[in-house]
Amino acid sequence: MAKAKLKSVADNPLFEVEPEVEHWRGMPEFKQEDNGPYRQVIVSLEDEAAVQAFFKLLGQSYTDKTKSVWFPDRPTNHVTDLFWFGGDQAE
């Protein structure tokens, strides 16, 4: 008789699940899509005039702390927008 494949450890009936994670039993696995860049290129700029010209060509703003940019410009992901607060919460 072939063994049934488990989707996760929590689906194993012999596995004791903590009460607070019991509600996750049987849930599908989370798949994170790849949001990384296709390619990264290091650009060295000789002086402030080159920096200004470079960002003007890109059409993007920068500060003294800017270490990287997306081209074309990509909106910043605000992960705080992904949280849901509600129900019974202990404070």
N, C-alpha and C. Protein backbone atom coordinates (compact mmCIF):
# COMPACT_ATOMS: atom_id res chain seq x y z
N MET A 1 0.85 -1.19 0.00
CA MET A 1 0.00 0.00 0.00
C MET A 1 0.89 1.25 0.00
N ALA A 2 0.63 2.19 -0.89
CA ALA A 2 1.44 3.40 -0.98
C ALA A 2 1.03 4.37 0.12
N LYS A 3 2.04 5.06 0.63
CA LYS A 3 1.76 6.07 1.66
C LYS A 3 1.18 7.32 1.01
N ALA A 4 0.23 7.93 1.68
CA ALA A 4 -0.33 9.19 1.19
C ALA A 4 0.67 10.31 1.47
N LYS A 5 0.86 11.17 0.47
CA LYS A 5 1.78 12.29 0.67
C LYS A 5 1.05 13.41 1.40
N LEU A 6 1.73 13.98 2.38
CA LEU A 6 1.16 15.08 3.15
C LEU A 6 1.57 16.40 2.53
N LYS A 7 0.66 17.36 2.51
CA LYS A 7 0.98 18.67 1.98
C LYS A 7 1.86 19.45 2.94
N SER A 8 1.71 19.23 4.21
CA SER A 8 2.54 19.89 5.20
C SER A 8 2.59 19.03 6.46
N VAL A 9 3.51 19.33 7.34
CA VAL A 9 3.65 18.58 8.58
C VAL A 9 2.36 18.68 9.40
N ALA A 10 1.71 19.82 9.34
CA ALA A 10 0.50 20.03 10.14
C ALA A 10 -0.65 19.13 9.70
N ASP A 11 -0.59 18.58 8.47
CA ASP A 11 -1.64 17.68 8.01
C ASP A 11 -1.47 16.25 8.53
N ASN A 12 -0.34 15.97 9.16
CA ASN A 12 -0.08 14.65 9.71
C ASN A 12 -0.92 14.48 10.97
N PRO A 13 -1.80 13.48 11.01
CA PRO A 13 -2.66 13.30 12.19
C PRO A 13 -1.87 12.96 13.46
N LEU A 14 -0.62 12.48 13.31
CA LEU A 14 0.21 12.17 14.47
C LEU A 14 0.96 13.38 15.00
N PHE A 15 0.95 14.45 14.24
CA PHE A 15 1.65 15.66 14.61
C PHE A 15 0.76 16.49 15.53
N GLU A 16 1.26 16.80 16.70
CA GLU A 16 0.47 17.62 17.63
C GLU A 16 0.68 19.09 17.31
N VAL A 17 -0.39 19.76 17.00
CA VAL A 17 -0.33 21.17 16.62
C VAL A 17 -0.70 22.02 17.83
N GLU A 18 0.05 23.08 18.03
CA GLU A 18 -0.28 24.02 19.10
C GLU A 18 -1.69 24.57 18.87
N PRO A 19 -2.46 24.78 19.92
CA PRO A 19 -3.85 25.24 19.74
C PRO A 19 -3.96 26.53 18.93
N GLU A 20 -2.99 27.44 19.07
CA GLU A 20 -3.10 28.72 18.36
C GLU A 20 -2.86 28.59 16.86
N VAL A 21 -2.28 27.47 16.40
CA VAL A 21 -2.08 27.29 14.96
C VAL A 21 -3.00 26.21 14.38
N GLU A 22 -3.88 25.68 15.17
CA GLU A 22 -4.80 24.64 14.70
C GLU A 22 -5.64 25.14 13.52
N HIS A 23 -6.00 26.41 13.54
CA HIS A 23 -6.85 26.93 12.47
C HIS A 23 -6.13 26.95 11.12
N TRP A 24 -4.81 26.73 11.07
CA TRP A 24 -4.07 26.70 9.80
C TRP A 24 -4.11 25.31 9.16
N ARG A 25 -4.53 24.28 9.88
CA ARG A 25 -4.55 22.92 9.33
C ARG A 25 -5.40 22.87 8.07
N GLY A 26 -4.84 22.26 7.03
CA GLY A 26 -5.55 22.11 5.77
C GLY A 26 -5.49 23.33 4.85
N MET A 27 -4.86 24.41 5.28
CA MET A 27 -4.75 25.61 4.44
C MET A 27 -3.72 25.36 3.33
N PRO A 28 -3.90 25.97 2.17
CA PRO A 28 -2.92 25.80 1.09
C PRO A 28 -1.61 26.48 1.45
N GLU A 29 -0.51 26.00 0.85
CA GLU A 29 0.79 26.61 1.09
C GLU A 29 0.83 28.01 0.51
N PHE A 30 1.59 28.90 1.14
CA PHE A 30 1.76 30.26 0.66
C PHE A 30 2.86 30.28 -0.40
N LYS A 31 2.57 30.88 -1.53
CA LYS A 31 3.56 31.01 -2.60
C LYS A 31 3.91 32.48 -2.76
N GLN A 32 5.18 32.82 -2.52
CA GLN A 32 5.65 34.21 -2.67
C GLN A 32 6.16 34.40 -4.08
N GLU A 33 5.56 35.34 -4.80
CA GLU A 33 6.05 35.59 -6.15
C GLU A 33 7.37 36.35 -6.08
N ASP A 34 8.20 36.14 -7.09
CA ASP A 34 9.50 36.77 -7.14
C ASP A 34 9.35 38.22 -7.60
N ASN A 35 9.61 39.17 -6.71
CA ASN A 35 9.51 40.58 -7.05
C ASN A 35 10.87 41.22 -7.24
N GLY A 36 11.89 40.40 -7.36
CA GLY A 36 13.25 40.91 -7.52
C GLY A 36 13.49 41.48 -8.90
N PRO A 37 14.60 42.14 -9.06
CA PRO A 37 14.91 42.75 -10.36
C PRO A 37 15.29 41.70 -11.40
N TYR A 38 15.08 42.03 -12.66
CA TYR A 38 15.52 41.18 -13.76
C TYR A 38 17.04 41.20 -13.84
N ARG A 39 17.62 42.39 -13.65
CA ARG A 39 19.06 42.56 -13.70
C ARG A 39 19.45 43.77 -12.87
N GLN A 40 20.63 43.74 -12.28
CA GLN A 40 21.16 44.89 -11.55
C GLN A 40 22.46 45.32 -12.21
N VAL A 41 22.66 46.63 -12.27
CA VAL A 41 23.85 47.20 -12.89
C VAL A 41 24.42 48.23 -11.93
N ILE A 42 25.72 48.15 -11.67
CA ILE A 42 26.38 49.15 -10.83
C ILE A 42 26.83 50.29 -11.72
N VAL A 43 26.46 51.51 -11.36
CA VAL A 43 26.83 52.69 -12.12
C VAL A 43 27.69 53.56 -11.21
N SER A 44 28.87 53.90 -11.67
CA SER A 44 29.76 54.78 -10.90
C SER A 44 29.70 56.17 -11.51
N LEU A 45 29.49 57.16 -10.64
CA LEU A 45 29.35 58.54 -11.10
C LEU A 45 30.52 59.36 -10.56
N GLU A 46 31.14 60.12 -11.46
CA GLU A 46 32.40 60.81 -11.16
C GLU A 46 32.26 61.96 -10.17
N ASP A 47 31.18 62.73 -10.27
CA ASP A 47 31.03 63.89 -9.40
C ASP A 47 29.55 64.26 -9.29
N GLU A 48 29.27 65.34 -8.55
CA GLU A 48 27.88 65.74 -8.32
C GLU A 48 27.17 66.11 -9.61
N ALA A 49 27.90 66.72 -10.55
CA ALA A 49 27.30 67.07 -11.84
C ALA A 49 26.84 65.80 -12.58
N ALA A 50 27.63 64.75 -12.51
CA ALA A 50 27.27 63.48 -13.14
C ALA A 50 26.05 62.87 -12.46
N VAL A 51 26.00 62.98 -11.13
CA VAL A 51 24.85 62.46 -10.37
C VAL A 51 23.58 63.18 -10.81
N GLN A 52 23.65 64.49 -10.87
CA GLN A 52 22.48 65.27 -11.26
C GLN A 52 22.04 64.93 -12.68
N ALA A 53 23.00 64.82 -13.60
CA ALA A 53 22.68 64.49 -14.98
C ALA A 53 22.06 63.09 -15.09
N PHE A 54 22.61 62.14 -14.34
CA PHE A 54 22.11 60.77 -14.35
C PHE A 54 20.66 60.70 -13.90
N PHE A 55 20.37 61.31 -12.74
CA PHE A 55 18.99 61.26 -12.23
C PHE A 55 18.03 62.08 -13.09
N LYS A 56 18.54 63.12 -13.75
CA LYS A 56 17.70 63.87 -14.67
C LYS A 56 17.32 62.99 -15.86
N LEU A 57 18.28 62.21 -16.37
CA LEU A 57 17.99 61.28 -17.46
C LEU A 57 16.97 60.22 -17.05
N LEU A 58 17.09 59.75 -15.81
CA LEU A 58 16.15 58.75 -15.32
C LEU A 58 14.77 59.34 -15.04
N GLY A 59 14.74 60.64 -14.76
CA GLY A 59 13.48 61.28 -14.39
C GLY A 59 13.06 60.93 -12.99
N GLN A 60 14.06 60.69 -12.11
CA GLN A 60 13.78 60.32 -10.73
C GLN A 60 14.51 61.25 -9.77
N SER A 61 13.94 61.38 -8.58
CA SER A 61 14.59 62.19 -7.56
C SER A 61 15.52 61.32 -6.74
N TYR A 62 16.39 61.95 -5.97
CA TYR A 62 17.36 61.24 -5.15
C TYR A 62 17.74 62.10 -3.96
N THR A 63 18.37 61.47 -2.98
CA THR A 63 18.92 62.18 -1.83
C THR A 63 20.36 61.71 -1.66
N ASP A 64 21.05 62.26 -0.66
CA ASP A 64 22.42 61.81 -0.37
C ASP A 64 22.45 60.36 0.08
N LYS A 65 21.31 59.84 0.53
CA LYS A 65 21.25 58.46 1.03
C LYS A 65 20.75 57.46 -0.01
N THR A 66 20.41 57.91 -1.21
CA THR A 66 19.91 57.01 -2.24
C THR A 66 20.99 56.01 -2.64
N LYS A 67 20.68 54.73 -2.50
CA LYS A 67 21.63 53.66 -2.84
C LYS A 67 21.20 52.90 -4.08
N SER A 68 19.90 52.91 -4.37
CA SER A 68 19.41 52.17 -5.53
C SER A 68 18.11 52.80 -6.03
N VAL A 69 17.78 52.51 -7.27
CA VAL A 69 16.53 52.98 -7.88
C VAL A 69 16.01 51.89 -8.79
N TRP A 70 14.72 51.94 -9.05
CA TRP A 70 14.11 51.07 -10.05
C TRP A 70 13.95 51.87 -11.33
N PHE A 71 14.19 51.24 -12.46
CA PHE A 71 13.92 51.88 -13.74
C PHE A 71 13.16 50.90 -14.60
N PRO A 72 12.01 51.30 -15.13
CA PRO A 72 11.32 52.54 -14.79
C PRO A 72 10.93 52.57 -13.32
N ASP A 73 10.64 53.77 -12.84
CA ASP A 73 10.33 53.94 -11.43
C ASP A 73 9.21 52.99 -11.01
N ARG A 74 9.37 52.41 -9.84
CA ARG A 74 8.41 51.44 -9.32
C ARG A 74 7.90 51.97 -7.98
N PRO A 75 6.59 51.96 -7.77
CA PRO A 75 6.07 52.45 -6.49
C PRO A 75 6.60 51.62 -5.32
N THR A 76 6.81 52.26 -4.21
CA THR A 76 7.29 51.59 -3.01
C THR A 76 6.18 50.74 -2.41
N ASN A 77 6.52 49.52 -2.03
CA ASN A 77 5.56 48.66 -1.35
C ASN A 77 5.50 49.07 0.11
N HIS A 78 4.33 49.43 0.56
CA HIS A 78 4.13 49.78 1.96
C HIS A 78 3.49 48.57 2.63
N VAL A 79 4.32 47.74 3.28
CA VAL A 79 3.81 46.50 3.85
C VAL A 79 2.80 46.73 4.96
N THR A 80 2.79 47.91 5.56
CA THR A 80 1.79 48.18 6.59
C THR A 80 0.39 48.18 6.00
N ASP A 81 0.27 48.39 4.68
CA ASP A 81 -1.04 48.35 4.02
C ASP A 81 -1.58 46.92 3.94
N LEU A 82 -0.73 45.93 4.16
CA LEU A 82 -1.12 44.53 4.01
C LEU A 82 -1.64 43.92 5.30
N PHE A 83 -1.56 44.64 6.41
CA PHE A 83 -2.00 44.10 7.70
C PHE A 83 -3.48 44.37 7.91
N TRP A 84 -4.14 43.42 8.52
CA TRP A 84 -5.54 43.58 8.88
C TRP A 84 -5.64 43.49 10.39
N PHE A 85 -6.27 44.47 10.98
CA PHE A 85 -6.46 44.48 12.42
C PHE A 85 -7.94 44.46 12.70
N GLY A 86 -8.34 43.55 13.54
CA GLY A 86 -9.75 43.47 13.87
C GLY A 86 -10.02 42.25 14.70
N GLY A 87 -11.24 42.09 15.09
CA GLY A 87 -11.60 40.93 15.89
C GLY A 87 -11.11 41.07 17.31
N ASP A 88 -10.92 39.92 17.95
CA ASP A 88 -10.46 39.92 19.35
C ASP A 88 -8.96 40.03 19.40
N GLN A 89 -8.47 41.15 19.85
CA GLN A 89 -7.03 41.35 19.99
C GLN A 89 -6.71 41.67 21.43
N ALA A 90 -5.72 40.97 21.97
CA ALA A 90 -5.26 41.29 23.32
C ALA A 90 -4.35 42.50 23.23
N GLU A 91 -4.53 43.44 24.08
CA GLU A 91 -3.70 44.64 24.04
C GLU A 91 -2.67 44.60 25.13
